[in-house]
């Protein structure tokens, strides 16, 4: 698979879709146009997480979309994920790269910090995520990242810039106009009654 993270980047939620509903929900998001899926599950059940991640990895591989694991480098390696997303308190980029190899995508949460973005780029990050760009039901206390940050970040790199936080079909277009290459969405996709329709409404903002 070639290309880069772009368009709709759907992030799963164990709260919104319990294990028995997860594959069906992700399949719907992919049908709607998700170009990447991130498996995000903060539970401590290692076996359940590996089973779910392996199934989603197969689903994404068959659909030709990127499969990214949140936080857990060992899990990403175990299921052959396309990449891992690293937050502020997770393993460093160098350690992740050493374990996963040069071809795997490593994304980094930069919150509202260009300094952190510059450090991540120097360490070899493949994409940078900024947010929360809007109030987020998933992380209501998250720091806010102004849309102007994307133009500033673009001066640092040509690697993909991902916006996260409170994004839906009503504001995804504004985020793209501000300079984001992709939008990472949890509630706006997996919290919808019709996941495929919600995904399509966001994805189409990046299709012209």
N, C-alpha and C. Protein backbone atom coordinates (compact mmCIF):
# COMPACT_ATOMS: atom_id res chain seq x y z
N UNK A 1 0.85 -1.20 0.00
CA UNK A 1 0.00 0.00 0.00
C UNK A 1 0.88 1.24 0.00
N UNK A 2 0.58 2.16 -0.90
CA UNK A 2 1.38 3.38 -1.00
C UNK A 2 0.53 4.59 -0.64
N UNK A 3 1.17 5.72 -0.51
CA UNK A 3 0.45 6.94 -0.18
C UNK A 3 0.75 7.37 1.23
N UNK A 4 -0.10 8.24 1.76
CA UNK A 4 0.11 8.78 3.09
C UNK A 4 -1.24 8.96 3.77
N UNK A 5 -1.19 9.18 5.06
CA UNK A 5 -2.41 9.42 5.83
C UNK A 5 -3.12 10.66 5.28
N UNK A 6 -4.37 10.51 4.89
CA UNK A 6 -5.13 11.62 4.31
C UNK A 6 -6.62 11.34 4.44
N UNK A 7 -7.42 12.41 4.37
CA UNK A 7 -8.86 12.26 4.40
C UNK A 7 -9.38 11.84 5.77
N UNK A 8 -10.36 10.97 5.78
CA UNK A 8 -10.97 10.53 7.04
C UNK A 8 -10.12 9.45 7.70
N UNK A 9 -9.75 9.71 8.93
CA UNK A 9 -8.95 8.80 9.75
C UNK A 9 -9.83 8.45 10.95
N UNK A 10 -10.50 7.32 10.88
CA UNK A 10 -11.48 6.94 11.90
C UNK A 10 -10.80 6.26 13.08
N UNK A 11 -11.18 6.68 14.29
CA UNK A 11 -10.59 6.12 15.51
C UNK A 11 -11.68 5.41 16.29
N UNK A 12 -11.43 4.16 16.62
CA UNK A 12 -12.44 3.36 17.30
C UNK A 12 -12.59 3.77 18.76
N UNK A 13 -13.71 3.39 19.32
CA UNK A 13 -14.01 3.66 20.73
C UNK A 13 -14.67 2.43 21.34
N UNK A 14 -14.03 1.84 22.34
CA UNK A 14 -14.63 0.68 22.99
C UNK A 14 -15.90 1.06 23.75
N UNK A 15 -16.03 2.33 24.10
CA UNK A 15 -17.24 2.79 24.79
C UNK A 15 -18.42 2.87 23.83
N UNK A 16 -18.15 3.26 22.59
CA UNK A 16 -19.23 3.41 21.62
C UNK A 16 -19.58 2.10 20.94
N UNK A 17 -18.57 1.28 20.68
CA UNK A 17 -18.79 -0.02 20.04
C UNK A 17 -18.12 -1.11 20.86
N UNK A 18 -18.89 -1.85 21.65
CA UNK A 18 -18.32 -3.00 22.36
C UNK A 18 -17.75 -4.02 21.38
N UNK A 19 -16.97 -4.95 21.89
CA UNK A 19 -16.23 -5.87 21.04
C UNK A 19 -17.04 -6.57 19.98
N UNK A 20 -18.25 -6.98 20.29
CA UNK A 20 -19.03 -7.72 19.31
C UNK A 20 -19.58 -6.85 18.20
N UNK A 21 -19.49 -5.54 18.34
CA UNK A 21 -19.98 -4.62 17.31
C UNK A 21 -18.85 -3.92 16.55
N UNK A 22 -17.64 -4.13 17.01
CA UNK A 22 -16.54 -3.31 16.50
C UNK A 22 -16.24 -3.56 15.03
N UNK A 23 -16.12 -4.80 14.62
CA UNK A 23 -15.79 -5.07 13.22
C UNK A 23 -16.85 -4.53 12.27
N UNK A 24 -18.11 -4.71 12.64
CA UNK A 24 -19.19 -4.21 11.80
C UNK A 24 -19.14 -2.69 11.69
N UNK A 25 -18.84 -2.03 12.79
CA UNK A 25 -18.75 -0.57 12.80
C UNK A 25 -17.60 -0.08 11.94
N UNK A 26 -16.44 -0.71 12.07
CA UNK A 26 -15.28 -0.31 11.28
C UNK A 26 -15.53 -0.58 9.79
N UNK A 27 -16.14 -1.70 9.47
CA UNK A 27 -16.47 -1.99 8.07
C UNK A 27 -17.37 -0.90 7.49
N UNK A 28 -18.32 -0.42 8.29
CA UNK A 28 -19.21 0.65 7.84
C UNK A 28 -18.44 1.94 7.60
N UNK A 29 -17.51 2.26 8.49
CA UNK A 29 -16.69 3.47 8.33
C UNK A 29 -15.85 3.39 7.07
N UNK A 30 -15.31 2.22 6.78
CA UNK A 30 -14.51 2.05 5.57
C UNK A 30 -15.38 2.19 4.33
N UNK A 31 -16.55 1.60 4.37
CA UNK A 31 -17.47 1.77 3.22
C UNK A 31 -17.80 3.23 3.00
N UNK A 32 -17.87 3.99 4.08
CA UNK A 32 -18.17 5.41 3.97
C UNK A 32 -16.99 6.24 3.48
N UNK A 33 -15.81 5.68 3.47
CA UNK A 33 -14.67 6.40 2.90
C UNK A 33 -13.48 6.61 3.81
N UNK A 34 -13.47 5.97 4.98
CA UNK A 34 -12.29 6.10 5.84
C UNK A 34 -11.07 5.55 5.12
N UNK A 35 -9.99 6.32 5.14
CA UNK A 35 -8.75 5.91 4.50
C UNK A 35 -7.77 5.29 5.49
N UNK A 36 -8.02 5.47 6.77
CA UNK A 36 -7.20 4.90 7.83
C UNK A 36 -8.09 4.65 9.03
N UNK A 37 -7.75 3.62 9.79
CA UNK A 37 -8.48 3.27 11.01
C UNK A 37 -7.46 3.10 12.13
N UNK A 38 -7.75 3.74 13.25
CA UNK A 38 -6.90 3.56 14.43
C UNK A 38 -7.68 2.78 15.49
N UNK A 39 -7.05 1.72 15.98
CA UNK A 39 -7.64 0.94 17.06
C UNK A 39 -7.22 1.55 18.38
N UNK A 40 -8.20 2.05 19.11
CA UNK A 40 -7.95 2.72 20.39
C UNK A 40 -8.79 2.03 21.45
N UNK A 41 -8.11 1.35 22.38
CA UNK A 41 -8.80 0.64 23.45
C UNK A 41 -7.90 0.69 24.67
N UNK A 42 -8.33 1.37 25.71
CA UNK A 42 -7.52 1.58 26.91
C UNK A 42 -7.73 0.49 27.96
N UNK A 43 -8.46 -0.56 27.62
CA UNK A 43 -8.72 -1.60 28.60
C UNK A 43 -7.45 -2.39 28.90
N UNK A 44 -7.47 -3.13 29.99
CA UNK A 44 -6.30 -3.90 30.41
C UNK A 44 -6.36 -5.36 29.97
N UNK A 45 -7.38 -5.72 29.22
CA UNK A 45 -7.54 -7.10 28.77
C UNK A 45 -6.68 -7.32 27.52
N UNK A 46 -5.45 -7.76 27.74
CA UNK A 46 -4.49 -7.88 26.64
C UNK A 46 -4.95 -8.87 25.58
N UNK A 47 -5.49 -9.99 26.01
CA UNK A 47 -5.94 -10.99 25.05
C UNK A 47 -7.07 -10.49 24.18
N UNK A 48 -8.03 -9.82 24.80
CA UNK A 48 -9.16 -9.28 24.03
C UNK A 48 -8.69 -8.23 23.05
N UNK A 49 -7.77 -7.39 23.49
CA UNK A 49 -7.27 -6.33 22.62
C UNK A 49 -6.52 -6.91 21.43
N UNK A 50 -5.75 -7.95 21.65
CA UNK A 50 -5.02 -8.54 20.53
C UNK A 50 -5.96 -9.22 19.55
N UNK A 51 -6.98 -9.90 20.06
CA UNK A 51 -7.96 -10.54 19.18
C UNK A 51 -8.68 -9.50 18.32
N UNK A 52 -9.11 -8.41 18.96
CA UNK A 52 -9.82 -7.35 18.23
C UNK A 52 -8.90 -6.68 17.22
N UNK A 53 -7.68 -6.38 17.64
CA UNK A 53 -6.74 -5.70 16.74
C UNK A 53 -6.39 -6.57 15.54
N UNK A 54 -6.19 -7.86 15.76
CA UNK A 54 -5.86 -8.76 14.66
C UNK A 54 -7.00 -8.82 13.64
N UNK A 55 -8.23 -8.87 14.14
CA UNK A 55 -9.38 -8.91 13.24
C UNK A 55 -9.50 -7.62 12.43
N UNK A 56 -9.29 -6.49 13.09
CA UNK A 56 -9.36 -5.21 12.38
C UNK A 56 -8.22 -5.05 11.40
N UNK A 57 -7.04 -5.56 11.76
CA UNK A 57 -5.90 -5.50 10.84
C UNK A 57 -6.22 -6.24 9.55
N UNK A 58 -6.83 -7.42 9.67
CA UNK A 58 -7.22 -8.19 8.49
C UNK A 58 -8.27 -7.46 7.67
N UNK A 59 -9.25 -6.86 8.37
CA UNK A 59 -10.31 -6.13 7.69
C UNK A 59 -9.75 -4.96 6.90
N UNK A 60 -8.88 -4.20 7.53
CA UNK A 60 -8.29 -3.02 6.87
C UNK A 60 -7.39 -3.43 5.71
N UNK A 61 -6.64 -4.50 5.91
CA UNK A 61 -5.74 -4.98 4.86
C UNK A 61 -6.55 -5.37 3.62
N UNK A 62 -7.64 -6.07 3.84
CA UNK A 62 -8.49 -6.49 2.72
C UNK A 62 -9.12 -5.30 2.00
N UNK A 63 -9.39 -4.24 2.75
CA UNK A 63 -10.02 -3.05 2.17
C UNK A 63 -9.01 -2.07 1.59
N UNK A 64 -7.73 -2.28 1.87
CA UNK A 64 -6.70 -1.39 1.35
C UNK A 64 -6.61 -0.07 2.08
N UNK A 65 -6.93 -0.07 3.38
CA UNK A 65 -6.80 1.15 4.17
C UNK A 65 -5.78 0.90 5.28
N UNK A 66 -5.19 1.99 5.76
CA UNK A 66 -4.19 1.87 6.81
C UNK A 66 -4.82 1.44 8.14
N UNK A 67 -4.09 0.57 8.85
CA UNK A 67 -4.51 0.18 10.19
C UNK A 67 -3.43 0.61 11.18
N UNK A 68 -3.81 1.47 12.11
CA UNK A 68 -2.89 2.06 13.08
C UNK A 68 -3.34 1.64 14.48
N UNK A 69 -2.39 1.31 15.34
CA UNK A 69 -2.69 0.97 16.73
C UNK A 69 -2.33 2.15 17.62
N UNK A 70 -3.22 2.49 18.53
CA UNK A 70 -2.98 3.60 19.45
C UNK A 70 -2.11 3.13 20.61
N UNK A 71 -1.03 3.83 20.83
CA UNK A 71 -0.19 3.71 22.04
C UNK A 71 0.67 2.46 22.16
N UNK A 72 0.18 1.32 21.70
CA UNK A 72 0.78 0.03 22.06
C UNK A 72 1.68 -0.50 20.94
N UNK A 73 2.98 -0.27 21.06
CA UNK A 73 3.94 -0.68 20.02
C UNK A 73 3.98 -2.21 19.91
N UNK A 74 3.97 -2.90 21.04
CA UNK A 74 4.02 -4.36 21.02
C UNK A 74 2.80 -4.95 20.32
N UNK A 75 1.63 -4.37 20.55
CA UNK A 75 0.41 -4.85 19.90
C UNK A 75 0.48 -4.58 18.40
N UNK A 76 0.96 -3.41 18.02
CA UNK A 76 1.11 -3.10 16.60
C UNK A 76 2.01 -4.11 15.91
N UNK A 77 3.10 -4.48 16.57
CA UNK A 77 4.02 -5.46 16.01
C UNK A 77 3.36 -6.83 15.92
N UNK A 78 2.61 -7.19 16.96
CA UNK A 78 2.01 -8.53 17.02
C UNK A 78 0.99 -8.78 15.92
N UNK A 79 0.25 -7.74 15.54
CA UNK A 79 -0.82 -7.93 14.55
C UNK A 79 -0.42 -7.45 13.16
N UNK A 80 0.82 -7.01 12.99
CA UNK A 80 1.27 -6.54 11.70
C UNK A 80 0.59 -5.27 11.24
N UNK A 81 0.36 -4.36 12.17
CA UNK A 81 -0.29 -3.09 11.84
C UNK A 81 0.58 -2.26 10.90
N UNK A 82 -0.08 -1.37 10.18
CA UNK A 82 0.65 -0.46 9.30
C UNK A 82 1.37 0.62 10.08
N UNK A 83 0.92 0.85 11.32
CA UNK A 83 1.57 1.91 12.09
C UNK A 83 1.11 1.94 13.52
N UNK A 84 1.69 2.89 14.26
CA UNK A 84 1.35 3.11 15.65
C UNK A 84 1.26 4.60 15.89
N UNK A 85 0.34 4.99 16.77
CA UNK A 85 0.21 6.40 17.13
C UNK A 85 0.69 6.58 18.57
N UNK A 86 1.58 7.53 18.76
CA UNK A 86 2.24 7.73 20.04
C UNK A 86 1.79 9.04 20.67
N UNK A 87 1.38 8.96 21.94
CA UNK A 87 1.00 10.15 22.68
C UNK A 87 2.12 10.64 23.57
N UNK A 88 1.82 11.61 24.38
CA UNK A 88 2.82 12.26 25.22
C UNK A 88 3.47 11.30 26.22
N UNK A 89 2.69 10.35 26.70
CA UNK A 89 3.20 9.46 27.75
C UNK A 89 3.55 8.07 27.24
N UNK A 90 3.62 7.90 25.92
CA UNK A 90 3.87 6.59 25.35
C UNK A 90 5.35 6.41 25.00
N UNK A 91 5.67 5.24 24.44
CA UNK A 91 7.04 4.96 24.05
C UNK A 91 7.54 5.98 23.04
N UNK A 92 8.82 6.25 23.06
CA UNK A 92 9.40 7.22 22.15
C UNK A 92 9.46 6.72 20.72
N UNK A 93 9.67 7.65 19.80
CA UNK A 93 9.71 7.31 18.38
C UNK A 93 10.86 6.36 18.08
N UNK A 94 12.03 6.62 18.65
CA UNK A 94 13.19 5.77 18.36
C UNK A 94 12.94 4.33 18.80
N UNK A 95 12.34 4.17 19.98
CA UNK A 95 12.05 2.82 20.46
C UNK A 95 11.01 2.13 19.58
N UNK A 96 9.99 2.88 19.18
CA UNK A 96 8.97 2.32 18.30
C UNK A 96 9.56 1.93 16.95
N UNK A 97 10.40 2.77 16.42
CA UNK A 97 11.02 2.49 15.12
C UNK A 97 11.92 1.26 15.21
N UNK A 98 12.64 1.13 16.29
CA UNK A 98 13.53 -0.01 16.46
C UNK A 98 12.74 -1.32 16.50
N UNK A 99 11.56 -1.27 17.12
CA UNK A 99 10.77 -2.48 17.24
C UNK A 99 9.96 -2.78 15.98
N UNK A 100 9.50 -1.75 15.30
CA UNK A 100 8.57 -1.94 14.19
C UNK A 100 9.22 -1.90 12.81
N UNK A 101 10.37 -1.26 12.70
CA UNK A 101 11.06 -1.21 11.42
C UNK A 101 10.80 0.06 10.65
N UNK A 102 11.54 0.25 9.56
CA UNK A 102 11.52 1.53 8.84
C UNK A 102 10.26 1.79 8.03
N UNK A 103 9.51 0.74 7.68
CA UNK A 103 8.37 0.92 6.79
C UNK A 103 7.08 1.27 7.52
N UNK A 104 7.07 1.07 8.83
CA UNK A 104 5.84 1.28 9.60
C UNK A 104 5.62 2.76 9.87
N UNK A 105 4.37 3.19 9.78
CA UNK A 105 3.99 4.59 10.01
C UNK A 105 4.00 4.88 11.51
N UNK A 106 4.65 5.96 11.89
CA UNK A 106 4.62 6.40 13.28
C UNK A 106 4.04 7.82 13.33
N UNK A 107 2.90 7.93 13.98
CA UNK A 107 2.27 9.23 14.16
C UNK A 107 2.43 9.70 15.59
N UNK A 108 2.45 11.00 15.77
CA UNK A 108 2.71 11.58 17.09
C UNK A 108 1.69 12.66 17.42
N UNK A 109 1.16 12.61 18.63
CA UNK A 109 0.29 13.67 19.12
C UNK A 109 1.14 14.87 19.52
N UNK A 110 0.86 16.01 18.92
CA UNK A 110 1.60 17.24 19.22
C UNK A 110 0.74 18.25 19.97
N UNK A 111 -0.54 17.91 20.18
CA UNK A 111 -1.45 18.75 20.95
C UNK A 111 -1.52 20.15 20.33
N UNK A 112 -0.99 21.17 20.98
CA UNK A 112 -0.98 22.52 20.40
C UNK A 112 0.44 23.06 20.33
N UNK A 113 1.42 22.14 20.26
CA UNK A 113 2.83 22.53 20.40
C UNK A 113 3.63 22.34 19.12
N UNK A 114 4.07 23.44 18.54
CA UNK A 114 4.98 23.36 17.40
C UNK A 114 6.35 22.86 17.81
N UNK A 115 6.74 23.13 19.05
CA UNK A 115 8.02 22.63 19.55
C UNK A 115 8.01 21.11 19.59
N UNK A 116 6.93 20.56 20.09
CA UNK A 116 6.83 19.10 20.11
C UNK A 116 6.81 18.55 18.68
N UNK A 117 6.15 19.26 17.78
CA UNK A 117 6.10 18.84 16.39
C UNK A 117 7.50 18.80 15.78
N UNK A 118 8.28 19.84 16.03
CA UNK A 118 9.64 19.89 15.50
C UNK A 118 10.49 18.75 16.05
N UNK A 119 10.34 18.47 17.33
CA UNK A 119 11.08 17.37 17.95
C UNK A 119 10.66 16.03 17.35
N UNK A 120 9.37 15.87 17.11
CA UNK A 120 8.87 14.62 16.54
C UNK A 120 9.39 14.42 15.12
N UNK A 121 9.42 15.49 14.35
CA UNK A 121 9.95 15.41 12.99
C UNK A 121 11.43 15.02 13.01
N UNK A 122 12.18 15.62 13.91
CA UNK A 122 13.60 15.32 14.01
C UNK A 122 13.83 13.86 14.39
N UNK A 123 12.89 13.31 15.15
CA UNK A 123 13.02 11.92 15.59
C UNK A 123 12.48 10.92 14.55
N UNK A 124 11.86 11.44 13.49
CA UNK A 124 11.41 10.57 12.41
C UNK A 124 9.93 10.28 12.33
N UNK A 125 9.10 11.13 12.92
CA UNK A 125 7.66 10.92 12.84
C UNK A 125 7.18 11.01 11.40
N UNK A 126 6.19 10.18 11.06
CA UNK A 126 5.65 10.17 9.70
C UNK A 126 4.45 11.08 9.52
N UNK A 127 3.73 11.35 10.61
CA UNK A 127 2.68 12.36 10.56
C UNK A 127 2.55 12.99 11.93
N UNK A 128 1.97 14.19 11.95
CA UNK A 128 1.80 14.96 13.18
C UNK A 128 0.32 15.20 13.41
N UNK A 129 -0.14 14.99 14.62
CA UNK A 129 -1.54 15.23 14.96
C UNK A 129 -1.65 16.39 15.93
N UNK A 130 -2.57 17.31 15.63
CA UNK A 130 -2.80 18.48 16.48
C UNK A 130 -4.26 18.50 16.93
N UNK A 131 -4.48 18.89 18.16
CA UNK A 131 -5.83 19.00 18.68
C UNK A 131 -5.81 19.08 20.20
N UNK A 132 -6.95 19.43 20.71
CA UNK A 132 -8.28 19.34 20.13
C UNK A 132 -8.62 20.64 19.39
N UNK A 133 -9.01 20.49 18.12
CA UNK A 133 -9.31 21.70 17.36
C UNK A 133 -10.70 22.26 17.70
N UNK A 134 -11.59 21.40 18.15
CA UNK A 134 -12.91 21.80 18.63
C UNK A 134 -13.15 21.09 19.96
N UNK A 135 -14.12 21.52 20.74
CA UNK A 135 -14.42 20.80 21.98
C UNK A 135 -14.70 19.32 21.70
N UNK A 136 -14.09 18.45 22.47
CA UNK A 136 -14.17 17.02 22.20
C UNK A 136 -14.94 16.29 23.29
N UNK A 137 -15.96 15.52 22.92
CA UNK A 137 -16.68 14.72 23.92
C UNK A 137 -15.81 13.59 24.47
N UNK A 138 -14.81 13.16 23.70
CA UNK A 138 -13.93 12.09 24.16
C UNK A 138 -12.95 12.58 25.20
N UNK A 139 -12.40 13.78 24.98
CA UNK A 139 -11.46 14.38 25.93
C UNK A 139 -11.87 15.82 26.19
N UNK A 140 -12.87 16.03 27.03
CA UNK A 140 -13.40 17.38 27.24
C UNK A 140 -12.39 18.34 27.87
N UNK A 141 -11.37 17.82 28.55
CA UNK A 141 -10.38 18.69 29.17
C UNK A 141 -9.14 18.89 28.30
N UNK A 142 -9.16 18.39 27.08
CA UNK A 142 -7.98 18.47 26.22
C UNK A 142 -7.62 19.92 25.90
N UNK A 143 -6.33 20.18 25.73
CA UNK A 143 -5.90 21.50 25.29
C UNK A 143 -6.46 21.77 23.91
N UNK A 144 -6.66 23.05 23.59
CA UNK A 144 -7.19 23.42 22.30
C UNK A 144 -6.07 23.86 21.37
N UNK A 145 -6.17 23.42 20.13
CA UNK A 145 -5.21 23.79 19.10
C UNK A 145 -5.93 24.63 18.05
N UNK A 146 -5.54 25.88 17.88
CA UNK A 146 -6.22 26.74 16.91
C UNK A 146 -5.96 26.27 15.48
N UNK A 147 -6.92 26.52 14.60
CA UNK A 147 -6.75 26.10 13.21
C UNK A 147 -5.55 26.77 12.56
N UNK A 148 -5.18 27.93 13.04
CA UNK A 148 -4.01 28.63 12.48
C UNK A 148 -2.72 27.82 12.66
N UNK A 149 -2.73 26.87 13.57
CA UNK A 149 -1.54 26.06 13.83
C UNK A 149 -1.15 25.22 12.62
N UNK A 150 -2.11 24.87 11.78
CA UNK A 150 -1.78 24.00 10.65
C UNK A 150 -0.94 24.72 9.61
N UNK A 151 -1.21 25.98 9.37
CA UNK A 151 -0.37 26.75 8.45
C UNK A 151 1.04 26.90 9.00
N UNK A 152 1.14 27.09 10.30
CA UNK A 152 2.46 27.21 10.92
C UNK A 152 3.20 25.88 10.86
N UNK A 153 2.49 24.79 11.10
CA UNK A 153 3.13 23.47 11.04
C UNK A 153 3.57 23.13 9.63
N UNK A 154 2.82 23.59 8.64
CA UNK A 154 3.19 23.30 7.25
C UNK A 154 4.54 23.92 6.89
N UNK A 155 4.90 24.99 7.55
CA UNK A 155 6.20 25.59 7.30
C UNK A 155 7.34 24.72 7.81
N UNK A 156 7.01 23.78 8.70
CA UNK A 156 8.03 22.88 9.26
C UNK A 156 8.24 21.64 8.40
N UNK A 157 7.18 21.20 7.69
CA UNK A 157 7.24 19.89 7.05
C UNK A 157 6.23 19.74 5.94
N UNK A 158 6.51 18.78 5.05
CA UNK A 158 5.51 18.39 4.06
C UNK A 158 4.85 17.05 4.42
N UNK A 159 5.16 16.54 5.61
CA UNK A 159 4.52 15.30 6.07
C UNK A 159 3.07 15.59 6.47
N UNK A 160 2.24 14.56 6.47
CA UNK A 160 0.81 14.77 6.75
C UNK A 160 0.55 15.40 8.11
N UNK A 161 -0.41 16.31 8.12
CA UNK A 161 -0.88 16.96 9.34
C UNK A 161 -2.31 16.48 9.60
N UNK A 162 -2.53 15.99 10.80
CA UNK A 162 -3.82 15.41 11.16
C UNK A 162 -4.47 16.27 12.24
N UNK A 163 -5.73 16.60 12.04
CA UNK A 163 -6.50 17.33 13.04
C UNK A 163 -7.37 16.36 13.81
N UNK A 164 -7.50 16.59 15.11
CA UNK A 164 -8.34 15.74 15.94
C UNK A 164 -9.09 16.59 16.96
N UNK A 165 -10.27 16.12 17.34
CA UNK A 165 -11.02 16.78 18.40
C UNK A 165 -12.28 17.47 17.93
N UNK A 166 -13.42 16.85 18.18
CA UNK A 166 -14.70 17.49 17.90
C UNK A 166 -15.03 17.69 16.44
N UNK A 167 -14.42 16.90 15.57
CA UNK A 167 -14.62 17.09 14.12
C UNK A 167 -15.80 16.26 13.64
N UNK A 168 -16.60 16.90 12.79
CA UNK A 168 -17.74 16.22 12.18
C UNK A 168 -17.95 16.76 10.78
N UNK A 169 -19.03 16.38 10.13
CA UNK A 169 -19.26 16.81 8.75
C UNK A 169 -19.49 18.30 8.63
N UNK A 170 -19.89 18.95 9.71
CA UNK A 170 -20.15 20.39 9.66
C UNK A 170 -18.87 21.22 9.66
N UNK A 171 -17.81 20.69 10.27
CA UNK A 171 -16.59 21.50 10.38
C UNK A 171 -15.36 20.89 9.70
N UNK A 172 -15.49 19.69 9.14
CA UNK A 172 -14.34 19.05 8.50
C UNK A 172 -13.79 19.87 7.35
N UNK A 173 -14.69 20.52 6.61
CA UNK A 173 -14.24 21.35 5.49
C UNK A 173 -13.38 22.51 5.94
N UNK A 174 -13.74 23.13 7.05
CA UNK A 174 -12.95 24.25 7.58
C UNK A 174 -11.58 23.78 8.04
N UNK A 175 -11.54 22.58 8.58
CA UNK A 175 -10.26 22.03 9.02
C UNK A 175 -9.36 21.74 7.83
N UNK A 176 -9.94 21.21 6.78
CA UNK A 176 -9.14 20.97 5.57
C UNK A 176 -8.63 22.30 5.00
N UNK A 177 -9.50 23.29 4.94
CA UNK A 177 -9.09 24.60 4.41
C UNK A 177 -7.96 25.20 5.23
N UNK A 178 -7.95 24.93 6.52
CA UNK A 178 -6.89 25.45 7.40
C UNK A 178 -5.55 24.78 7.15
N UNK A 179 -5.56 23.62 6.46
CA UNK A 179 -4.30 22.98 6.11
C UNK A 179 -4.12 21.56 6.57
N UNK A 180 -5.12 20.98 7.22
CA UNK A 180 -5.01 19.59 7.66
C UNK A 180 -5.16 18.65 6.47
N UNK A 181 -4.31 17.63 6.43
CA UNK A 181 -4.40 16.63 5.37
C UNK A 181 -5.42 15.54 5.72
N UNK A 182 -5.67 15.38 7.01
CA UNK A 182 -6.58 14.33 7.47
C UNK A 182 -7.29 14.80 8.73
N UNK A 183 -8.44 14.19 8.98
CA UNK A 183 -9.16 14.46 10.22
C UNK A 183 -9.38 13.15 10.95
N UNK A 184 -8.92 13.12 12.20
CA UNK A 184 -9.10 11.93 13.05
C UNK A 184 -10.40 12.11 13.82
N UNK A 185 -11.31 11.15 13.66
CA UNK A 185 -12.66 11.32 14.18
C UNK A 185 -13.09 10.07 14.96
N UNK A 186 -13.60 10.29 16.15
CA UNK A 186 -14.15 9.20 16.96
C UNK A 186 -15.67 9.33 16.98
N UNK A 187 -16.16 10.26 17.80
CA UNK A 187 -17.60 10.43 18.04
C UNK A 187 -18.35 10.76 16.76
N UNK A 188 -17.78 11.59 15.91
CA UNK A 188 -18.45 12.03 14.70
C UNK A 188 -18.71 10.91 13.70
N UNK A 189 -18.01 9.79 13.86
CA UNK A 189 -18.24 8.61 13.02
C UNK A 189 -18.91 7.51 13.84
N UNK A 190 -18.23 7.04 14.89
CA UNK A 190 -18.71 5.88 15.62
C UNK A 190 -19.82 6.19 16.62
N UNK A 191 -20.08 7.47 16.84
CA UNK A 191 -21.21 7.85 17.67
C UNK A 191 -22.47 8.10 16.87
N UNK A 192 -22.38 7.96 15.56
CA UNK A 192 -23.53 8.23 14.69
C UNK A 192 -24.46 7.03 14.61
N UNK A 193 -25.72 7.30 14.35
CA UNK A 193 -26.70 6.23 14.15
C UNK A 193 -26.37 5.44 12.90
N UNK A 194 -26.00 6.15 11.84
CA UNK A 194 -25.60 5.52 10.58
C UNK A 194 -24.12 5.82 10.36
N UNK A 195 -23.27 4.90 10.73
CA UNK A 195 -21.82 5.12 10.68
C UNK A 195 -21.34 5.34 9.26
N UNK A 196 -21.82 4.56 8.33
CA UNK A 196 -21.38 4.70 6.94
C UNK A 196 -21.73 6.08 6.39
N UNK A 197 -22.94 6.53 6.66
CA UNK A 197 -23.38 7.84 6.17
C UNK A 197 -22.56 8.96 6.81
N UNK A 198 -22.31 8.84 8.11
CA UNK A 198 -21.52 9.86 8.80
C UNK A 198 -20.09 9.92 8.26
N UNK A 199 -19.52 8.75 8.02
CA UNK A 199 -18.17 8.70 7.46
C UNK A 199 -18.13 9.32 6.07
N UNK A 200 -19.13 9.00 5.27
CA UNK A 200 -19.17 9.54 3.90
C UNK A 200 -19.29 11.05 3.88
N UNK A 201 -20.07 11.59 4.81
CA UNK A 201 -20.26 13.05 4.86
C UNK A 201 -18.97 13.77 5.20
N UNK A 202 -18.11 13.13 6.01
CA UNK A 202 -16.82 13.73 6.34
C UNK A 202 -15.82 13.49 5.21
N UNK A 203 -15.78 12.25 4.72
CA UNK A 203 -14.80 11.91 3.68
C UNK A 203 -14.96 12.76 2.42
N UNK A 204 -16.19 13.11 2.08
CA UNK A 204 -16.40 13.85 0.84
C UNK A 204 -15.79 15.25 0.90
N UNK A 205 -15.53 15.75 2.11
CA UNK A 205 -14.88 17.06 2.25
C UNK A 205 -13.45 17.04 1.72
N UNK A 206 -12.90 15.83 1.55
CA UNK A 206 -11.52 15.69 1.08
C UNK A 206 -11.43 15.10 -0.33
N UNK A 207 -12.56 14.95 -0.99
CA UNK A 207 -12.57 14.24 -2.26
C UNK A 207 -12.48 15.15 -3.48
N UNK A 208 -12.52 16.48 -3.28
CA UNK A 208 -12.47 17.34 -4.47
C UNK A 208 -11.11 17.98 -4.60
